[in-house]
Amino acid sequence: MANQLNSLQIQEIMALLPHRYPFLLIDRVLDYTPGESLTAIKNVTVNEPIFTGHFPGMPIFPGVLILEALAQATGILGFKTVTERSENELYLFAAIDEARFKKPVLPGDTMVLEVKFLKERRNMWKFYGEAKVEGQIVCSAELMCARREL
């Protein structure tokens, strides 16, 4: 059976994540399969406030924000995977392993964020994520998120 495309627009993303401008780093979810994987995009524009200081005259999107974008993608996948969730529930970034940065992300780039669910144990979820620009990996990492009610 072919995978049916599941996409989310910004309003649906904002209903799942507590992040807001300038820290909401997912512009659209292109596709997801609950319990398996999610593909999202982040459009990087020169107008983002981070570029006033990183770096003046040579804007490069910070690696920690690439990792945060991947973490936000895992949170969306987590919310789309569970069937029951409380209104005060969040996925908190808990750990990162094996992070690798291959090339810089620049204004004008569209990052394609791909995350895959690996396993869950005691409300700790482990994922593998890759950020790509024009089909080339710019960052990869294993990420862990904690499912918590606040």
Protein backbone atom coordinates (compact mmCIF):
# COMPACT_ATOMS: atom_id res chain seq x y z
CA MET A 1 0.00 0.00 0.00
CA ALA A 2 1.44 3.40 -0.99
CA ASN A 3 2.17 5.95 1.74
CA GLN A 4 -0.46 8.67 1.76
CA LEU A 5 1.06 12.16 2.01
CA ASN A 6 0.37 13.85 5.35
CA SER A 7 1.34 17.51 5.41
CA LEU A 8 0.92 20.25 8.01
CA GLN A 9 0.73 23.99 7.45
CA ILE A 10 2.05 26.59 9.91
CA GLN A 11 -1.24 26.93 11.84
CA GLU A 12 -1.26 23.19 12.58
CA ILE A 13 2.44 23.27 13.53
CA MET A 14 1.81 26.14 15.95
CA ALA A 15 -1.01 24.15 17.55
CA LEU A 16 1.50 21.36 18.34
CA LEU A 17 4.64 23.32 19.29
CA PRO A 18 4.83 26.06 21.93
CA HIS A 19 7.60 27.89 20.00
CA ARG A 20 6.92 31.25 18.38
CA TYR A 21 8.89 33.75 16.29
CA PRO A 22 11.84 33.99 16.21
CA PHE A 23 12.29 30.50 17.65
CA LEU A 24 9.74 28.48 15.67
CA LEU A 25 12.03 26.80 13.16
CA ILE A 26 9.61 24.62 11.17
CA ASP A 27 7.82 26.34 8.28
CA ARG A 28 5.92 23.34 6.94
CA VAL A 29 5.69 19.59 7.34
CA LEU A 30 5.83 17.95 3.93
CA ASP A 31 5.01 14.42 5.03
CA TYR A 32 4.91 12.18 8.10
CA THR A 33 4.08 8.64 9.06
CA PRO A 34 3.14 8.35 12.76
CA GLY A 35 5.64 6.24 14.68
CA GLU A 36 8.08 6.22 11.77
CA SER A 37 9.28 9.44 10.16
CA LEU A 38 8.65 13.08 9.33
CA THR A 39 9.96 15.46 6.66
CA ALA A 40 9.72 19.22 7.20
CA ILE A 41 11.25 22.39 5.82
CA LYS A 42 12.85 25.50 7.26
CA ASN A 43 13.32 28.41 4.87
CA VAL A 44 16.40 30.39 5.90
CA THR A 45 16.10 34.11 5.14
CA VAL A 46 18.57 36.94 5.61
CA ASN A 47 15.90 38.82 7.60
CA GLU A 48 16.20 36.47 10.57
CA PRO A 49 17.43 38.27 13.70
CA ILE A 50 20.24 35.76 14.31
CA PHE A 51 22.13 37.10 11.29
CA THR A 52 22.79 40.49 12.91
CA GLY A 53 25.38 38.75 15.07
CA HIS A 54 26.15 35.40 13.36
CA PHE A 55 28.18 36.70 11.58
CA PRO A 56 28.10 40.36 10.48
CA GLY A 57 29.10 40.47 6.83
CA MET A 58 29.12 36.66 6.56
CA PRO A 59 25.72 35.27 7.62
CA ILE A 60 25.78 31.58 8.56
CA PHE A 61 22.81 29.84 10.18
CA PRO A 62 24.03 28.54 13.58
CA GLY A 63 24.54 24.81 13.98
CA VAL A 64 22.72 24.82 17.32
CA LEU A 65 19.62 26.17 15.54
CA ILE A 66 19.86 23.42 12.91
CA LEU A 67 19.82 20.93 15.78
CA GLU A 68 16.90 22.80 17.38
CA ALA A 69 14.98 22.61 14.09
CA LEU A 70 15.57 18.84 14.02
CA ALA A 71 14.41 18.63 17.66
CA GLN A 72 11.23 20.56 16.82
CA ALA A 73 10.59 18.13 13.97
CA THR A 74 10.92 15.22 16.42
CA GLY A 75 8.40 16.91 18.72
CA ILE A 76 5.86 17.16 15.92
CA LEU A 77 6.41 13.51 15.01
CA GLY A 78 5.97 12.57 18.67
CA PHE A 79 2.68 14.45 18.93
CA LYS A 80 1.44 12.90 15.69
CA THR A 81 2.42 9.43 16.94
CA VAL A 82 0.62 9.35 20.31
CA THR A 83 -3.11 8.84 20.25
CA GLU A 84 -3.82 10.44 23.62
CA ARG A 85 -2.15 13.56 24.89
CA SER A 86 -2.80 16.12 27.54
CA GLU A 87 -3.11 19.83 26.84
CA ASN A 88 0.00 20.56 28.97
CA GLU A 89 2.21 17.89 27.40
CA LEU A 90 5.50 18.79 25.73
CA TYR A 91 8.45 17.03 24.13
CA LEU A 92 11.58 18.46 25.71
CA PHE A 93 14.97 18.20 24.03
CA ALA A 94 16.87 15.79 26.32
CA ALA A 95 20.07 14.69 24.57
CA ILE A 96 22.07 14.81 21.38
CA ASP A 97 24.68 12.33 20.19
CA GLU A 98 26.88 11.94 17.14
CA ALA A 99 26.17 15.46 15.82
CA ARG A 100 28.01 16.20 12.59
CA PHE A 101 28.08 19.38 10.54
CA LYS A 102 29.06 18.95 6.89
CA LYS A 103 28.64 22.43 5.37
CA PRO A 104 27.25 25.84 6.32
CA VAL A 105 23.62 26.83 5.85
CA LEU A 106 23.24 30.28 4.30
CA PRO A 107 20.42 32.78 3.75
CA GLY A 108 18.33 31.66 0.79
CA ASP A 109 18.75 27.96 1.61
CA THR A 110 15.80 25.69 2.26
CA MET A 111 16.66 23.07 4.84
CA VAL A 112 14.84 19.78 4.45
CA LEU A 113 14.61 18.19 7.88
CA GLU A 114 14.19 14.42 7.97
CA VAL A 115 13.67 12.64 11.28
CA LYS A 116 13.16 8.93 11.92
CA PHE A 117 11.80 7.36 15.10
CA LEU A 118 14.23 4.80 16.54
CA LYS A 119 12.79 3.72 19.91
CA GLU A 120 10.88 4.73 23.04
CA ARG A 121 11.52 3.76 26.63
CA ARG A 122 9.89 5.28 29.74
CA ASN A 123 8.68 8.39 27.90
CA MET A 124 12.14 8.99 26.38
CA TRP A 125 12.04 8.95 22.59
CA LYS A 126 15.12 8.47 20.41
CA PHE A 127 15.32 9.74 16.82
CA TYR A 128 17.84 10.05 14.01
CA GLY A 129 17.76 13.32 12.08
CA GLU A 130 19.34 14.82 8.99
CA ALA A 131 19.15 18.37 7.67
CA LYS A 132 19.74 18.67 3.93
CA VAL A 133 20.18 21.56 1.51
CA GLU A 134 19.78 20.77 -2.18
CA GLY A 135 19.92 17.05 -1.39
CA GLN A 136 23.23 17.26 0.49
CA ILE A 137 23.46 16.52 4.22
CA VAL A 138 24.47 19.64 6.16
CA CYS A 139 23.91 18.15 9.63
CA SER A 140 23.08 14.77 11.14
CA ALA A 141 22.54 13.65 14.74
CA GLU A 142 20.78 11.29 17.11
CA LEU A 143 18.30 13.19 19.29
CA MET A 144 16.41 12.25 22.42
CA CYS A 145 13.25 13.94 23.61
CA ALA A 146 11.46 13.50 26.91
CA ARG A 147 7.67 13.36 26.83
CA ARG A 148 6.58 15.41 29.84
CA GLU A 149 3.47 17.00 31.23
CA LEU A 150 4.11 20.48 32.62
